[in-house]
Amino acid sequence: MSDRSDDAPPAAEALTARVLQFFVADPDRLMRFFDVTGLTADTIRSAANAPGFAAAVLDYILGDEALLQRFAAETGTQPEALSRARAGLDGRGEAPRARASATPLRGPSNLARRFKGE
């Protein structure tokens, strides 16, 4: 994660790291994350340092109820903790305030476009 303290509150940054560890623990989950977001093992480090990364990762997991429930069960983290952390990012310029309904992601993700070249 980023060393800059103004990127995300500590709770959101810690939860984002936990989500990423959850992805890494299962190669299929990690590949799906990469496929949907357009990120790669080579680009994720630079993306993680970009503003909005924590919000984007939390949006990704919050947008997939089955994945969210599996994360909650495997890590002992309440889904509400992720929702609260995500909501806390809205006032910090992490992402737009209005969030579309949790629809499945299609095509190249905004994550990859958002962090391209950073």
Protein backbone atom coordinates (compact mmCIF):
# COMPACT_ATOMS: atom_id res chain seq x y z
CA MET A 1 0.00 0.00 0.00
CA SER A 2 0.98 3.61 -0.18
CA ASP A 3 3.27 5.33 2.27
CA ARG A 4 1.32 8.57 1.93
CA SER A 5 -0.98 8.99 4.92
CA ASP A 6 -3.36 11.27 3.03
CA ASP A 7 -4.34 8.61 0.46
CA ALA A 8 -6.73 6.64 2.65
CA PRO A 9 -7.62 6.45 6.31
CA PRO A 10 -5.69 3.72 8.13
CA ALA A 11 -8.77 1.50 8.54
CA ALA A 12 -9.53 1.62 4.82
CA GLU A 13 -5.92 1.03 3.89
CA ALA A 14 -5.67 -1.93 6.27
CA LEU A 15 -8.87 -3.45 4.91
CA THR A 16 -7.70 -2.93 1.34
CA ALA A 17 -4.47 -4.76 2.17
CA ARG A 18 -6.52 -7.56 3.73
CA VAL A 19 -8.69 -7.83 0.61
CA LEU A 20 -5.61 -8.00 -1.60
CA GLN A 21 -4.12 -10.73 0.63
CA PHE A 22 -7.41 -12.60 0.29
CA PHE A 23 -7.10 -12.39 -3.51
CA VAL A 24 -3.47 -13.52 -3.47
CA ALA A 25 -4.33 -16.54 -1.30
CA ASP A 26 -6.33 -18.03 -4.17
CA PRO A 27 -4.83 -17.92 -7.67
CA ASP A 28 -8.27 -18.12 -9.30
CA ARG A 29 -9.55 -15.16 -7.27
CA LEU A 30 -6.43 -13.19 -8.08
CA MET A 31 -6.69 -13.93 -11.80
CA ARG A 32 -10.35 -12.90 -11.82
CA PHE A 33 -9.42 -9.64 -10.07
CA PHE A 34 -6.72 -9.01 -12.67
CA ASP A 35 -9.01 -9.99 -15.55
CA VAL A 36 -11.87 -7.78 -14.41
CA THR A 37 -9.75 -4.78 -13.42
CA GLY A 38 -7.19 -4.95 -16.20
CA LEU A 39 -4.38 -4.75 -13.66
CA THR A 40 -1.46 -7.15 -13.70
CA ALA A 41 1.21 -8.29 -11.28
CA ASP A 42 3.46 -5.69 -12.93
CA THR A 43 1.03 -2.77 -12.65
CA ILE A 44 -0.60 -3.30 -9.28
CA ARG A 45 2.24 -1.71 -7.29
CA SER A 46 2.04 1.59 -9.12
CA ALA A 47 -1.76 1.45 -9.03
CA ALA A 48 -1.68 0.90 -5.27
CA ASN A 49 0.13 4.21 -4.85
CA ALA A 50 -2.43 6.15 -6.84
CA PRO A 51 -5.25 8.08 -5.18
CA GLY A 52 -8.49 6.15 -5.34
CA PHE A 53 -6.96 2.69 -5.31
CA ALA A 54 -8.40 1.74 -1.91
CA ALA A 55 -11.86 2.92 -2.98
CA ALA A 56 -11.63 0.96 -6.23
CA VAL A 57 -10.60 -2.28 -4.51
CA LEU A 58 -13.34 -1.91 -1.90
CA ASP A 59 -15.88 -1.16 -4.65
CA TYR A 60 -14.76 -4.31 -6.46
CA ILE A 61 -15.36 -6.62 -3.51
CA LEU A 62 -18.50 -4.83 -2.35
CA GLY A 63 -19.92 -5.23 -5.85
CA ASP A 64 -19.76 -9.03 -5.69
CA GLU A 65 -21.94 -10.36 -2.87
CA ALA A 66 -20.65 -13.95 -3.10
CA LEU A 67 -17.04 -12.79 -3.01
CA LEU A 68 -17.80 -10.42 -0.13
CA GLN A 69 -19.42 -13.21 1.89
CA ARG A 70 -16.50 -15.56 1.21
CA PHE A 71 -14.06 -12.84 2.32
CA ALA A 72 -16.10 -12.28 5.49
CA ALA A 73 -16.19 -15.99 6.29
CA GLU A 74 -12.50 -16.62 5.60
CA THR A 75 -11.15 -13.54 7.35
CA GLY A 76 -13.67 -12.98 10.13
CA THR A 77 -14.26 -9.46 8.83
CA GLN A 78 -17.79 -8.10 8.93
CA PRO A 79 -19.02 -6.92 5.52
CA GLU A 80 -20.23 -3.75 7.23
CA ALA A 81 -16.63 -2.89 8.10
CA LEU A 82 -15.82 -2.79 4.40
CA SER A 83 -18.90 -0.67 3.70
CA ARG A 84 -17.99 1.77 6.47
CA ALA A 85 -14.39 2.00 5.30
CA ARG A 86 -15.56 2.64 1.74
CA ALA A 87 -18.03 5.30 2.87
CA GLY A 88 -15.25 6.99 4.81
CA LEU A 89 -13.26 7.40 1.62
CA ASP A 90 -15.97 9.41 -0.13
CA GLY A 91 -15.22 12.60 1.76
CA ARG A 92 -11.48 12.31 1.16
CA GLY A 93 -11.49 12.66 -2.61
CA GLU A 94 -10.91 8.94 -3.06
CA ALA A 95 -13.77 8.47 -5.50
CA PRO A 96 -16.98 10.11 -6.67
CA ARG A 97 -19.62 10.45 -3.97
CA ALA A 98 -22.41 8.84 -5.94
CA ARG A 99 -21.95 5.18 -6.52
CA ALA A 100 -23.93 3.25 -9.07
CA SER A 101 -25.75 0.16 -7.93
CA ALA A 102 -23.57 -2.88 -7.45
CA THR A 103 -23.71 -4.19 -10.99
CA PRO A 104 -21.27 -6.73 -12.33
CA LEU A 105 -18.24 -5.25 -14.04
CA ARG A 106 -18.07 -5.76 -17.79
CA GLY A 107 -15.25 -5.24 -20.22
CA PRO A 108 -12.03 -3.43 -19.35
CA SER A 109 -12.33 -2.01 -15.88
CA ASN A 110 -12.16 1.57 -14.81
CA LEU A 111 -9.47 0.45 -12.37
CA ALA A 112 -6.97 -0.16 -15.15
CA ARG A 113 -8.00 2.98 -17.03
CA ARG A 114 -7.85 5.07 -13.85
CA PHE A 115 -4.31 3.98 -13.02
CA LYS A 116 -2.90 3.67 -16.53
CA GLY A 117 0.42 5.40 -16.81
CA GLU A 118 0.77 6.21 -13.12
